[in-house]
Amino acid sequence: MAVAAAEVLGSPEDAITRAELLRRREAGEVTLVDVRPHEEYQAGHIPGAINIPIAELADRLAELAGDRDIVAYCRGAYCVMAPDAVRIARDAGREVKRLDDGMLEWRLAGLPVDEGAPVGHGD
């Protein structure tokens, strides 16, 4: 059962904690990628995150700078989009970590949330 869950939800080695993300984001060490659909991103996202929906990730990986670590997140701890992002990136020769929880847990923790599309976003 644990092996099947790891195949879907990703291995613990692929994840970083919320506390680690906050520390590394503050230090400017990561690019944070929200892999949810555009509509969900616009309804609320982690400040500073860019939106590349999982369906577009393989085609848009080159947009992500290679000098910073990439961290993907999605709806919540049991959402499969962030683990899928790790696999897609790895297949393309890029390393991506995933947030070990997601937008739901971020909101429940009372952390800041931005809404709407970022300036210059074409959607």
PDB file of N, CA and C in Angstrom:
ATOM      1  N   MET A   1       0.825  -1.196   0.000  1.00  0.00           N
ATOM      2  CA  MET A   1       0.000   0.000   0.000  1.00  0.00           C
ATOM      3  C   MET A   1       0.864   1.253   0.000  1.00  0.00           C
ATOM      4  N   ALA A   2       1.922   1.289   0.833  1.00  0.00           N
ATOM      5  CA  ALA A   2       2.791   2.470   0.890  1.00  0.00           C
ATOM      6  C   ALA A   2       3.496   2.701  -0.436  1.00  0.00           C
ATOM      7  N   VAL A   3       3.870   1.614  -1.116  1.00  0.00           N
ATOM      8  CA  VAL A   3       4.537   1.753  -2.408  1.00  0.00           C
ATOM      9  C   VAL A   3       3.585   2.356  -3.426  1.00  0.00           C
ATOM     10  N   ALA A   4       2.339   1.901  -3.441  1.00  0.00           N
ATOM     11  CA  ALA A   4       1.352   2.454  -4.371  1.00  0.00           C
ATOM     12  C   ALA A   4       1.104   3.927  -4.091  1.00  0.00           C
ATOM     13  N   ALA A   5       1.022   4.306  -2.836  1.00  0.00           N
ATOM     14  CA  ALA A   5       0.817   5.717  -2.484  1.00  0.00           C
ATOM     15  C   ALA A   5       2.005   6.555  -2.926  1.00  0.00           C
ATOM     16  N   ALA A   6       3.214   6.039  -2.736  1.00  0.00           N
ATOM     17  CA  ALA A   6       4.412   6.781  -3.146  1.00  0.00           C
ATOM     18  C   ALA A   6       4.454   6.966  -4.654  1.00  0.00           C
ATOM     19  N   GLU A   7       3.960   5.974  -5.405  1.00  0.00           N
ATOM     20  CA  GLU A   7       3.938   6.106  -6.857  1.00  0.00           C
ATOM     21  C   GLU A   7       3.022   7.237  -7.292  1.00  0.00           C
ATOM     22  N   VAL A   8       1.910   7.422  -6.600  1.00  0.00           N
ATOM     23  CA  VAL A   8       0.945   8.463  -6.966  1.00  0.00           C
ATOM     24  C   VAL A   8       1.302   9.804  -6.340  1.00  0.00           C
ATOM     25  N   LEU A   9       1.610   9.808  -5.052  1.00  0.00           N
ATOM     26  CA  LEU A   9       1.820  11.057  -4.318  1.00  0.00           C
ATOM     27  C   LEU A   9       3.284  11.492  -4.253  1.00  0.00           C
ATOM     28  N   GLY A  10       4.184  10.698  -4.805  1.00  0.00           N
ATOM     29  CA  GLY A  10       5.595  11.049  -4.806  1.00  0.00           C
ATOM     30  C   GLY A  10       6.289  10.580  -3.546  1.00  0.00           C
ATOM     31  N   SER A  11       7.600  10.491  -3.631  1.00  0.00           N
ATOM     32  CA  SER A  11       8.358  10.028  -2.474  1.00  0.00           C
ATOM     33  C   SER A  11       8.668  11.201  -1.547  1.00  0.00           C
ATOM     34  N   PRO A  12       8.908  10.915  -0.275  1.00  0.00           N
ATOM     35  CA  PRO A  12       9.243  11.980   0.675  1.00  0.00           C
ATOM     36  C   PRO A  12      10.503  12.755   0.276  1.00  0.00           C
ATOM     37  N   GLU A  13      11.417  12.106  -0.433  1.00  0.00           N
ATOM     38  CA  GLU A  13      12.649  12.777  -0.861  1.00  0.00           C
ATOM     39  C   GLU A  13      12.377  13.886  -1.876  1.00  0.00           C
ATOM     40  N   ASP A  14      11.227  13.824  -2.555  1.00  0.00           N
ATOM     41  CA  ASP A  14      10.866  14.833  -3.556  1.00  0.00           C
ATOM     42  C   ASP A  14      10.201  16.054  -2.937  1.00  0.00           C
ATOM     43  N   ALA A  15       9.930  16.018  -1.633  1.00  0.00           N
ATOM     44  CA  ALA A  15       9.118  17.059  -0.995  1.00  0.00           C
ATOM     45  C   ALA A  15       9.951  17.985  -0.118  1.00  0.00           C
ATOM     46  N   ILE A  16       9.446  19.224   0.041  1.00  0.00           N
ATOM     47  CA  ILE A  16       9.976  20.122   1.057  1.00  0.00           C
ATOM     48  C   ILE A  16       8.806  20.582   1.924  1.00  0.00           C
ATOM     49  N   THR A  17       9.103  20.917   3.145  1.00  0.00           N
ATOM     50  CA  THR A  17       8.068  21.356   4.077  1.00  0.00           C
ATOM     51  C   THR A  17       7.709  22.819   3.830  1.00  0.00           C
ATOM     52  N   ARG A  18       6.590  23.217   4.381  1.00  0.00           N
ATOM     53  CA  ARG A  18       6.158  24.614   4.293  1.00  0.00           C
ATOM     54  C   ARG A  18       7.196  25.526   4.942  1.00  0.00           C
ATOM     55  N   ALA A  19       7.723  25.125   6.103  1.00  0.00           N
ATOM     56  CA  ALA A  19       8.729  25.939   6.796  1.00  0.00           C
ATOM     57  C   ALA A  19       9.986  26.103   5.945  1.00  0.00           C
ATOM     58  N   GLU A  20      10.420  25.028   5.307  1.00  0.00           N
ATOM     59  CA  GLU A  20      11.597  25.112   4.443  1.00  0.00           C
ATOM     60  C   GLU A  20      11.318  25.998   3.232  1.00  0.00           C
ATOM     61  N   LEU A  21      10.125  25.874   2.656  1.00  0.00           N
ATOM     62  CA  LEU A  21       9.765  26.735   1.526  1.00  0.00           C
ATOM     63  C   LEU A  21       9.802  28.204   1.934  1.00  0.00           C
ATOM     64  N   LEU A  22       9.212  28.526   3.067  1.00  0.00           N
ATOM     65  CA  LEU A  22       9.192  29.913   3.530  1.00  0.00           C
ATOM     66  C   LEU A  22      10.614  30.452   3.713  1.00  0.00           C
ATOM     67  N   ARG A  23      11.476  29.658   4.315  1.00  0.00           N
ATOM     68  CA  ARG A  23      12.858  30.075   4.540  1.00  0.00           C
ATOM     69  C   ARG A  23      13.594  30.277   3.218  1.00  0.00           C
ATOM     70  N   ARG A  24      13.467  29.309   2.323  1.00  0.00           N
ATOM     71  CA  ARG A  24      14.196  29.370   1.050  1.00  0.00           C
ATOM     72  C   ARG A  24      13.631  30.437   0.123  1.00  0.00           C
ATOM     73  N   ARG A  25      12.323  30.671   0.186  1.00  0.00           N
ATOM     74  CA  ARG A  25      11.715  31.726  -0.631  1.00  0.00           C
ATOM     75  C   ARG A  25      12.198  33.090  -0.153  1.00  0.00           C
ATOM     76  N   GLU A  26      12.246  33.268   1.155  1.00  0.00           N
ATOM     77  CA  GLU A  26      12.733  34.526   1.734  1.00  0.00           C
ATOM     78  C   GLU A  26      14.180  34.800   1.317  1.00  0.00           C
ATOM     79  N   ALA A  27      14.973  33.743   1.187  1.00  0.00           N
ATOM     80  CA  ALA A  27      16.377  33.871   0.786  1.00  0.00           C
ATOM     81  C   ALA A  27      16.539  33.998  -0.730  1.00  0.00           C
ATOM     82  N   GLY A  28      15.434  33.906  -1.481  1.00  0.00           N
ATOM     83  CA  GLY A  28      15.496  34.025  -2.935  1.00  0.00           C
ATOM     84  C   GLY A  28      16.088  32.814  -3.627  1.00  0.00           C
ATOM     85  N   GLU A  29      15.962  31.650  -2.996  1.00  0.00           N
ATOM     86  CA  GLU A  29      16.582  30.434  -3.528  1.00  0.00           C
ATOM     87  C   GLU A  29      15.668  29.607  -4.418  1.00  0.00           C
ATOM     88  N   VAL A  30      14.378  29.914  -4.464  1.00  0.00           N
ATOM     89  CA  VAL A  30      13.448  29.050  -5.194  1.00  0.00           C
ATOM     90  C   VAL A  30      12.551  29.841  -6.141  1.00  0.00           C
ATOM     91  N   THR A  31      12.123  29.139  -7.187  1.00  0.00           N
ATOM     92  CA  THR A  31      11.040  29.596  -8.045  1.00  0.00           C
ATOM     93  C   THR A  31       9.847  28.725  -7.688  1.00  0.00           C
ATOM     94  N   LEU A  32       8.773  29.338  -7.271  1.00  0.00           N
ATOM     95  CA  LEU A  32       7.584  28.618  -6.834  1.00  0.00           C
ATOM     96  C   LEU A  32       6.591  28.545  -7.985  1.00  0.00           C
ATOM     97  N   VAL A  33       6.162  27.330  -8.321  1.00  0.00           N
ATOM     98  CA  VAL A  33       5.270  27.113  -9.457  1.00  0.00           C
ATOM     99  C   VAL A  33       3.973  26.470  -8.986  1.00  0.00           C
ATOM    100  N   ASP A  34       2.872  27.159  -9.248  1.00  0.00           N
ATOM    101  CA  ASP A  34       1.529  26.653  -8.978  1.00  0.00           C
ATOM    102  C   ASP A  34       1.096  25.895 -10.227  1.00  0.00           C
ATOM    103  N   VAL A  35       0.901  24.585 -10.111  1.00  0.00           N
ATOM    104  CA  VAL A  35       0.571  23.765 -11.280  1.00  0.00           C
ATOM    105  C   VAL A  35      -0.930  23.511 -11.425  1.00  0.00           C
ATOM    106  N   ARG A  36      -1.739  24.254 -10.672  1.00  0.00           N
ATOM    107  CA  ARG A  36      -3.194  24.134 -10.802  1.00  0.00           C
ATOM    108  C   ARG A  36      -3.665  24.894 -12.046  1.00  0.00           C
ATOM    109  N   PRO A  37      -4.908  24.658 -12.483  1.00  0.00           N
ATOM    110  CA  PRO A  37      -5.450  25.413 -13.621  1.00  0.00           C
ATOM    111  C   PRO A  37      -5.459  26.917 -13.340  1.00  0.00           C
ATOM    112  N   HIS A  38      -5.436  27.721 -14.419  1.00  0.00           N
ATOM    113  CA  HIS A  38      -5.409  29.184 -14.296  1.00  0.00           C
ATOM    114  C   HIS A  38      -6.497  29.716 -13.367  1.00  0.00           C
ATOM    115  N   GLU A  39      -7.714  29.173 -13.480  1.00  0.00           N
ATOM    116  CA  GLU A  39      -8.837  29.675 -12.681  1.00  0.00           C
ATOM    117  C   GLU A  39      -8.583  29.506 -11.187  1.00  0.00           C
ATOM    118  N   GLU A  40      -8.004  28.391 -10.810  1.00  0.00           N
ATOM    119  CA  GLU A  40      -7.707  28.153  -9.394  1.00  0.00           C
ATOM    120  C   GLU A  40      -6.588  29.075  -8.914  1.00  0.00           C
ATOM    121  N   TYR A  41      -5.590  29.269  -9.746  1.00  0.00           N
ATOM    122  CA  TYR A  41      -4.501  30.196  -9.413  1.00  0.00           C
ATOM    123  C   TYR A  41      -5.052  31.598  -9.182  1.00  0.00           C
ATOM    124  N   GLN A  42      -5.928  32.058 -10.072  1.00  0.00           N
ATOM    125  CA  GLN A  42      -6.484  33.401  -9.958  1.00  0.00           C
ATOM    126  C   GLN A  42      -7.362  33.552  -8.724  1.00  0.00           C
ATOM    127  N   ALA A  43      -7.984  32.460  -8.281  1.00  0.00           N
ATOM    128  CA  ALA A  43      -8.839  32.499  -7.091  1.00  0.00           C
ATOM    129  C   ALA A  43      -8.020  32.598  -5.804  1.00  0.00           C
ATOM    130  N   GLY A  44      -6.747  32.266  -5.867  1.00  0.00           N
ATOM    131  CA  GLY A  44      -5.879  32.376  -4.704  1.00  0.00           C
ATOM    132  C   GLY A  44      -4.633  31.536  -4.868  1.00  0.00           C
ATOM    133  N   HIS A  45      -3.468  32.159  -4.656  1.00  0.00           N
ATOM    134  CA  HIS A  45      -2.199  31.449  -4.794  1.00  0.00           C
ATOM    135  C   HIS A  45      -1.190  31.983  -3.780  1.00  0.00           C
ATOM    136  N   ILE A  46      -0.147  31.225  -3.583  1.00  0.00           N
ATOM    137  CA  ILE A  46       0.919  31.632  -2.679  1.00  0.00           C
ATOM    138  C   ILE A  46       1.626  32.840  -3.301  1.00  0.00           C
ATOM    139  N   PRO A  47       1.819  33.904  -2.535  1.00  0.00           N
ATOM    140  CA  PRO A  47       2.484  35.092  -3.083  1.00  0.00           C
ATOM    141  C   PRO A  47       3.837  34.751  -3.719  1.00  0.00           C
ATOM    142  N   GLY A  48       4.041  35.310  -4.904  1.00  0.00           N
ATOM    143  CA  GLY A  48       5.290  35.090  -5.621  1.00  0.00           C
ATOM    144  C   GLY A  48       5.285  33.887  -6.539  1.00  0.00           C
ATOM    145  N   ALA A  49       4.230  33.067  -6.472  1.00  0.00           N
ATOM    146  CA  ALA A  49       4.162  31.882  -7.327  1.00  0.00           C
ATOM    147  C   ALA A  49       3.823  32.276  -8.756  1.00  0.00           C
ATOM    148  N   ILE A  50       4.387  31.529  -9.695  1.00  0.00           N
ATOM    149  CA  ILE A  50       3.981  31.671 -11.085  1.00  0.00           C
ATOM    150  C   ILE A  50       3.067  30.503 -11.416  1.00  0.00           C
ATOM    151  N   ASN A  51       2.217  30.679 -12.393  1.00  0.00           N
ATOM    152  CA  ASN A  51       1.248  29.644 -12.746  1.00  0.00           C
ATOM    153  C   ASN A  51       1.628  28.989 -14.063  1.00  0.00           C
ATOM    154  N   ILE A  52       1.941  27.709 -13.980  1.00  0.00           N
ATOM    155  CA  ILE A  52       2.114  26.878 -15.165  1.00  0.00           C
ATOM    156  C   ILE A  52       1.280  25.629 -14.913  1.00  0.00           C
ATOM    157  N   PRO A  53       0.059  25.576 -15.466  1.00  0.00           N
ATOM    158  CA  PRO A  53      -0.788  24.408 -15.242  1.00  0.00           C
ATOM    159  C   PRO A  53      -0.072  23.117 -15.645  1.00  0.00           C
ATOM    160  N   ILE A  54      -0.355  22.060 -14.940  1.00  0.00           N
ATOM    161  CA  ILE A  54       0.323  20.786 -15.161  1.00  0.00           C
ATOM    162  C   ILE A  54       0.250  20.353 -16.619  1.00  0.00           C
ATOM    163  N   ALA A  55      -0.862  20.625 -17.299  1.00  0.00           N
ATOM    164  CA  ALA A  55      -1.011  20.231 -18.704  1.00  0.00           C
ATOM    165  C   ALA A  55      -0.037  20.972 -19.620  1.00  0.00           C
ATOM    166  N   GLU A  56       0.498  22.107 -19.166  1.00  0.00           N
ATOM    167  CA  GLU A  56       1.420  22.914 -19.976  1.00  0.00           C
ATOM    168  C   GLU A  56       2.874  22.772 -19.543  1.00  0.00           C
ATOM    169  N   LEU A  57       3.112  22.099 -18.440  1.00  0.00           N
ATOM    170  CA  LEU A  57       4.439  22.110 -17.822  1.00  0.00           C
ATOM    171  C   LEU A  57       5.540  21.584 -18.734  1.00  0.00           C
ATOM    172  N   ALA A  58       5.326  20.460 -19.382  1.00  0.00           N
ATOM    173  CA  ALA A  58       6.378  19.878 -20.221  1.00  0.00           C
ATOM    174  C   ALA A  58       6.826  20.855 -21.301  1.00  0.00           C
ATOM    175  N   ASP A  59       5.888  21.588 -21.877  1.00  0.00           N
ATOM    176  CA  ASP A  59       6.207  22.541 -22.942  1.00  0.00           C
ATOM    177  C   ASP A  59       6.800  23.841 -22.423  1.00  0.00           C
ATOM    178  N   ARG A  60       6.638  24.118 -21.135  1.00  0.00           N
ATOM    179  CA  ARG A  60       7.052  25.420 -20.602  1.00  0.00           C
ATOM    180  C   ARG A  60       8.205  25.349 -19.599  1.00  0.00           C
ATOM    181  N   LEU A  61       8.786  24.181 -19.411  1.00  0.00           N
ATOM    182  CA  LEU A  61       9.889  24.051 -18.448  1.00  0.00           C
ATOM    183  C   LEU A  61      11.045  24.991 -18.764  1.00  0.00           C
ATOM    184  N   ALA A  62      11.289  25.250 -20.034  1.00  0.00           N
ATOM    185  CA  ALA A  62      12.404  26.119 -20.424  1.00  0.00           C
ATOM    186  C   ALA A  62      12.227  27.546 -19.910  1.00  0.00           C
ATOM    187  N   GLU A  63      10.990  27.936 -19.570  1.00  0.00           N
ATOM    188  CA  GLU A  63      10.737  29.278 -19.036  1.00  0.00           C
ATOM    189  C   GLU A  63      11.302  29.452 -17.628  1.00  0.00           C
ATOM    190  N   LEU A  64      11.574  28.345 -16.959  1.00  0.00           N
ATOM    191  CA  LEU A  64      12.017  28.394 -15.567  1.00  0.00           C
ATOM    192  C   LEU A  64      13.536  28.476 -15.504  1.00  0.00           C
ATOM    193  N   ALA A  65      14.033  29.496 -14.830  1.00  0.00           N
ATOM    194  CA  ALA A  65      15.477  29.722 -14.731  1.00  0.00           C
ATOM    195  C   ALA A  65      16.175  28.520 -14.113  1.00  0.00           C
ATOM    196  N   GLY A  66      17.332  28.216 -14.635  1.00  0.00           N
ATOM    197  CA  GLY A  66      18.090  27.078 -14.141  1.00  0.00           C
ATOM    198  C   GLY A  66      18.943  27.382 -12.926  1.00  0.00           C
ATOM    199  N   ASP A  67      19.010  28.653 -12.504  1.00  0.00           N
ATOM    200  CA  ASP A  67      19.882  29.021 -11.395  1.00  0.00           C
ATOM    201  C   ASP A  67      19.199  28.981 -10.037  1.00  0.00           C
ATOM    202  N   ARG A  68      17.911  28.664 -10.015  1.00  0.00           N
ATOM    203  CA  ARG A  68      17.175  28.561  -8.746  1.00  0.00           C
ATOM    204  C   ARG A  68      16.443  27.233  -8.712  1.00  0.00           C
ATOM    205  N   ASP A  69      16.283  26.700  -7.514  1.00  0.00           N
ATOM    206  CA  ASP A  69      15.517  25.470  -7.359  1.00  0.00           C
ATOM    207  C   ASP A  69      14.050  25.749  -7.647  1.00  0.00           C
ATOM    208  N   ILE A  70      13.381  24.767  -8.199  1.00  0.00           N
ATOM    209  CA  ILE A  70      11.970  24.888  -8.539  1.00  0.00           C
ATOM    210  C   ILE A  70      11.163  24.062  -7.545  1.00  0.00           C
ATOM    211  N   VAL A  71      10.100  24.665  -7.017  1.00  0.00           N
ATOM    212  CA  VAL A  71       9.192  23.971  -6.108  1.00  0.00           C
ATOM    213  C   VAL A  71       7.788  24.097  -6.681  1.00  0.00           C
ATOM    214  N   ALA A  72       7.121  22.962  -6.881  1.00  0.00           N
ATOM    215  CA  ALA A  72       5.756  22.939  -7.404  1.00  0.00           C
ATOM    216  C   ALA A  72       4.774  22.658  -6.270  1.00  0.00           C
ATOM    217  N   TYR A  73       3.583  23.233  -6.393  1.00  0.00           N
ATOM    218  CA  TYR A  73       2.521  22.909  -5.442  1.00  0.00           C
ATOM    219  C   TYR A  73       1.196  22.870  -6.179  1.00  0.00           C
ATOM    220  N   CYS A  74       0.204  22.241  -5.534  1.00  0.00           N
ATOM    221  CA  CYS A  74      -1.134  22.158  -6.127  1.00  0.00           C
ATOM    222  C   CYS A  74      -2.182  22.352  -5.034  1.00  0.00           C
ATOM    223  N   ARG A  75      -3.267  21.607  -5.096  1.00  0.00           N
ATOM    224  CA  ARG A  75      -4.425  21.857  -4.224  1.00  0.00           C
ATOM    225  C   ARG A  75      -4.184  21.511  -2.768  1.00  0.00           C
ATOM    226  N   GLY A  76      -3.536  20.402  -2.517  1.00  0.00           N
ATOM    227  CA  GLY A  76      -3.372  19.954  -1.146  1.00  0.00           C
ATOM    228  C   GLY A  76      -2.456  18.751  -1.067  1.00  0.00           C
ATOM    229  N   ALA A  77      -2.315  18.226   0.122  1.00  0.00           N
ATOM    230  CA  ALA A  77      -1.383  17.128   0.379  1.00  0.00           C
ATOM    231  C   ALA A  77      -1.678  15.889  -0.457  1.00  0.00           C
ATOM    232  N   TYR A  78      -2.933  15.674  -0.834  1.00  0.00           N
ATOM    233  CA  TYR A  78      -3.291  14.466  -1.577  1.00  0.00           C
ATOM    234  C   TYR A  78      -3.574  14.740  -3.046  1.00  0.00           C
ATOM    235  N   CYS A  79      -3.222  15.909  -3.511  1.00  0.00           N
ATOM    236  CA  CYS A  79      -3.361  16.272  -4.919  1.00  0.00           C
ATOM    237  C   CYS A  79      -2.194  15.647  -5.687  1.00  0.00           C
ATOM    238  N   VAL A  80      -2.453  15.102  -6.860  1.00  0.00           N
ATOM    239  CA  VAL A  80      -1.399  14.418  -7.619  1.00  0.00           C
ATOM    240  C   VAL A  80      -0.681  15.317  -8.620  1.00  0.00           C
ATOM    241  N   MET A  81      -1.113  16.571  -8.779  1.00  0.00           N
ATOM    242  CA  MET A  81      -0.481  17.421  -9.790  1.00  0.00           C
ATOM    243  C   MET A  81       0.966  17.776  -9.447  1.00  0.00           C
ATOM    244  N   ALA A  82       1.273  18.089  -8.204  1.00  0.00           N
ATOM    245  CA  ALA A  82       2.658  18.425  -7.838  1.00  0.00           C
ATOM    246  C   ALA A  82       3.587  17.214  -7.995  1.00  0.00           C
ATOM    247  N   PRO A  83       3.194  16.016  -7.534  1.00  0.00           N
ATOM    248  CA  PRO A  83       4.044  14.852  -7.810  1.00  0.00           C
ATOM    249  C   PRO A  83       4.203  14.596  -9.309  1.00  0.00           C
ATOM    250  N   ASP A  84       3.148  14.834 -10.084  1.00  0.00           N
ATOM    251  CA  ASP A  84       3.263  14.700 -11.542  1.00  0.00           C
ATOM    252  C   ASP A  84       4.268  15.705 -12.095  1.00  0.00           C
ATOM    253  N   ALA A  85       4.282  16.920 -11.549  1.00  0.00           N
ATOM    254  CA  ALA A  85       5.233  17.943 -11.993  1.00  0.00           C
ATOM    255  C   ALA A  85       6.668  17.482 -11.753  1.00  0.00           C
ATOM    256  N   VAL A  86       6.912  16.848 -10.617  1.00  0.00           N
ATOM    257  CA  VAL A  86       8.246  16.324 -10.320  1.00  0.00           C
ATOM    258  C   VAL A  86       8.641  15.302 -11.380  1.00  0.00           C
ATOM    259  N   ARG A  87       7.723  14.388 -11.720  1.00  0.00           N
ATOM    260  CA  ARG A  87       8.014  13.352 -12.715  1.00  0.00           C
ATOM    261  C   ARG A  87       8.236  13.952 -14.106  1.00  0.00           C
ATOM    262  N   ILE A  88       7.388  14.897 -14.500  1.00  0.00           N
ATOM    263  CA  ILE A  88       7.520  15.536 -15.817  1.00  0.00           C
ATOM    264  C   ILE A  88       8.872  16.236 -15.925  1.00  0.00           C
ATOM    265  N   ALA A  89       9.232  16.978 -14.900  1.00  0.00           N
ATOM    266  CA  ALA A  89      10.508  17.700 -14.915  1.00  0.00           C
ATOM    267  C   ALA A  89      11.686  16.733 -14.947  1.00  0.00           C
ATOM    268  N   ARG A  90      11.604  15.691 -14.149  1.00  0.00           N
ATOM    269  CA  ARG A  90      12.689  14.705 -14.108  1.00  0.00           C
ATOM    270  C   ARG A  90      12.861  14.044 -15.475  1.00  0.00           C
ATOM    271  N   ASP A  91      11.743  13.723 -16.136  1.00  0.00           N
ATOM    272  CA  ASP A  91      11.812  13.128 -17.475  1.00  0.00           C
ATOM    273  C   ASP A  91      12.473  14.069 -18.475  1.00  0.00           C
ATOM    274  N   ALA A  92      12.377  15.379 -18.226  1.00  0.00           N
ATOM    275  CA  ALA A  92      12.983  16.384 -19.102  1.00  0.00           C
ATOM    276  C   ALA A  92      14.392  16.775 -18.638  1.00  0.00           C
ATOM    277  N   GLY A  93      14.895  16.098 -17.624  1.00  0.00           N
ATOM    278  CA  GLY A  93      16.238  16.380 -17.139  1.00  0.00           C
ATOM    279  C   GLY A  93      16.339  17.539 -16.159  1.00  0.00           C
ATOM    280  N   ARG A  94      15.223  17.952 -15.581  1.00  0.00           N
ATOM    281  CA  ARG A  94      15.207  19.052 -14.608  1.00  0.00           C
ATOM    282  C   ARG A  94      14.831  18.492 -13.247  1.00  0.00           C
ATOM    283  N   GLU A  95      15.345  19.106 -12.220  1.00  0.00           N
ATOM    284  CA  GLU A  95      14.986  18.724 -10.857  1.00  0.00           C
ATOM    285  C   GLU A  95      13.936  19.686 -10.325  1.00  0.00           C
ATOM    286  N   VAL A  96      12.868  19.136  -9.819  1.00  0.00           N
ATOM    287  CA  VAL A  96      11.800  19.915  -9.199  1.00  0.00           C
ATOM    288  C   VAL A  96      11.443  19.232  -7.895  1.00  0.00           C
ATOM    289  N   LYS A  97      11.237  20.004  -6.857  1.00  0.00           N
ATOM    290  CA  LYS A  97      10.706  19.497  -5.593  1.00  0.00           C
ATOM    291  C   LYS A  97       9.232  19.861  -5.539  1.00  0.00           C
ATOM    292  N   ARG A  98       8.521  19.244  -4.622  1.00  0.00           N
ATOM    293  CA  ARG A  98       7.112  19.579  -4.430  1.00  0.00           C
ATOM    294  C   ARG A  98       6.904  19.983  -2.980  1.00  0.00           C
ATOM    295  N   LEU A  99       5.987  20.906  -2.789  1.00  0.00           N
ATOM    296  CA  LEU A  99       5.589  21.267  -1.437  1.00  0.00           C
ATOM    297  C   LEU A  99       4.848  20.079  -0.856  1.00  0.00           C
ATOM    298  N   ASP A 100       5.181  19.683   0.378  1.00  0.00           N
ATOM    299  CA  ASP A 100       4.570  18.471   0.928  1.00  0.00           C
ATOM    300  C   ASP A 100       3.097  18.634   1.276  1.00  0.00           C
ATOM    301  N   ASP A 101       2.599  19.857   1.264  1.00  0.00           N
ATOM    302  CA  ASP A 101       1.156  20.072   1.337  1.00  0.00           C
ATOM    303  C   ASP A 101       0.802  21.022   0.197  1.00  0.00           C
ATOM    304  N   GLY A 102      -0.295  21.723   0.275  1.00  0.00           N
ATOM    305  CA  GLY A 102      -0.682  22.549  -0.865  1.00  0.00           C
ATOM    306  C   GLY A 102      -1.462  23.773  -0.458  1.00  0.00           C
ATOM    307  N   MET A 103      -2.245  24.277  -1.396  1.00  0.00           N
ATOM    308  CA  MET A 103      -2.968  25.528  -1.192  1.00  0.00           C
ATOM    309  C   MET A 103      -3.954  25.433  -0.030  1.00  0.00           C
ATOM    310  N   LEU A 104      -4.627  24.319   0.116  1.00  0.00           N
ATOM    311  CA  LEU A 104      -5.585  24.150   1.214  1.00  0.00           C
ATOM    312  C   LEU A 104      -4.891  24.338   2.562  1.00  0.00           C
ATOM    313  N   GLU A 105      -3.793  23.630   2.765  1.00  0.00           N
ATOM    314  CA  GLU A 105      -3.078  23.706   4.036  1.00  0.00           C
ATOM    315  C   GLU A 105      -2.453  25.092   4.242  1.00  0.00           C
ATOM    316  N   TRP A 106      -2.019  25.713   3.156  1.00  0.00           N
ATOM    317  CA  TRP A 106      -1.465  27.067   3.228  1.00  0.00           C
ATOM    318  C   TRP A 106      -2.515  28.021   3.782  1.00  0.00           C
ATOM    319  N   ARG A 107      -3.735  27.952   3.216  1.00  0.00           N
ATOM    320  CA  ARG A 107      -4.831  28.816   3.684  1.00  0.00           C
ATOM    321  C   ARG A 107      -5.192  28.502   5.137  1.00  0.00           C
ATOM    322  N   LEU A 108      -5.288  27.218   5.471  1.00  0.00           N
ATOM    323  CA  LEU A 108      -5.659  26.824   6.831  1.00  0.00           C
ATOM    324  C   LEU A 108      -4.626  27.284   7.858  1.00  0.00           C
ATOM    325  N   ALA A 109      -3.376  27.429   7.434  1.00  0.00           N
ATOM    326  CA  ALA A 109      -2.320  27.907   8.332  1.00  0.00           C
ATOM    327  C   ALA A 109      -2.368  29.425   8.500  1.00  0.00           C
ATOM    328  N   GLY A 110      -3.280  30.088   7.769  1.00  0.00           N
ATOM    329  CA  GLY A 110      -3.418  31.535   7.884  1.00  0.00           C
ATOM    330  C   GLY A 110      -2.312  32.322   7.199  1.00  0.00           C
ATOM    331  N   LEU A 111      -1.628  31.689   6.257  1.00  0.00           N
ATOM    332  CA  LEU A 111      -0.545  32.365   5.544  1.00  0.00           C
ATOM    333  C   LEU A 111      -1.108  33.252   4.435  1.00  0.00           C
ATOM    334  N   PRO A 112      -0.349  34.247   3.981  1.00  0.00           N
ATOM    335  CA  PRO A 112      -0.862  35.184   2.976  1.00  0.00           C
ATOM    336  C   PRO A 112      -1.200  34.500   1.658  1.00  0.00           C
ATOM    337  N   VAL A 113      -2.236  35.021   1.018  1.00  0.00           N
ATOM    338  CA  VAL A 113      -2.705  34.511  -0.275  1.00  0.00           C
ATOM    339  C   VAL A 113      -2.915  35.704  -1.195  1.00  0.00           C
ATOM    340  N   ASP A 114      -2.396  35.608  -2.417  1.00  0.00           N
ATOM    341  CA  ASP A 114      -2.658  36.614  -3.443  1.00  0.00           C
ATOM    342  C   ASP A 114      -3.765  36.104  -4.348  1.00  0.00           C
ATOM    343  N   GLU A 115      -4.520  37.028  -4.932  1.00  0.00           N
ATOM    344  CA  GLU A 115      -5.586  36.662  -5.872  1.00  0.00           C
ATOM    345  C   GLU A 115      -5.361  37.370  -7.188  1.00  0.00           C
ATOM    346  N   GLY A 116      -5.947  36.813  -8.250  1.00  0.00           N
ATOM    347  CA  GLY A 116      -5.847  37.409  -9.574  1.00  0.00           C
ATOM    348  C   GLY A 116      -4.604  36.962 -10.310  1.00  0.00           C
ATOM    349  N   ALA A 117      -4.524  37.404 -11.554  1.00  0.00           N
ATOM    350  CA  ALA A 117      -3.376  37.079 -12.393  1.00  0.00           C
ATOM    351  C   ALA A 117      -2.250  38.059 -12.108  1.00  0.00           C
ATOM    352  N   PRO A 118      -1.009  37.615 -12.245  1.00  0.00           N
ATOM    353  CA  PRO A 118       0.104  38.544 -12.052  1.00  0.00           C
ATOM    354  C   PRO A 118       0.125  39.596 -13.155  1.00  0.00           C
ATOM    355  N   VAL A 119       0.751  40.718 -12.890  1.00  0.00           N
ATOM    356  CA  VAL A 119       0.877  41.780 -13.885  1.00  0.00           C
ATOM    357  C   VAL A 119       1.584  41.219 -15.111  1.00  0.00           C
ATOM    358  N   GLY A 120       1.021  41.519 -16.286  1.00  0.00           N
ATOM    359  CA  GLY A 120       1.623  41.057 -17.525  1.00  0.00           C
ATOM    360  C   GLY A 120       1.183  39.680 -17.945  1.00  0.00           C
ATOM    361  N   HIS A 121       0.316  39.030 -17.168  1.00  0.00           N
ATOM    362  CA  HIS A 121      -0.166  37.696 -17.515  1.00  0.00           C
ATOM    363  C   HIS A 121      -1.218  37.831 -18.600  1.00  0.00           C
ATOM    364  N   GLY A 122      -1.086  37.084 -19.674  1.00  0.00           N
ATOM    365  CA  GLY A 122      -1.941  37.253 -20.839  1.00  0.00           C
ATOM    366  C   GLY A 122      -3.321  36.655 -20.751  1.00  0.00           C
ATOM    367  N   ASP A 123      -3.653  35.934 -19.709  1.00  0.00           N
ATOM    368  CA  ASP A 123      -4.974  35.279 -19.666  1.00  0.00           C
ATOM    369  C   ASP A 123      -6.070  36.208 -19.235  1.00  0.00           C
TER     370      ASP A 123
END
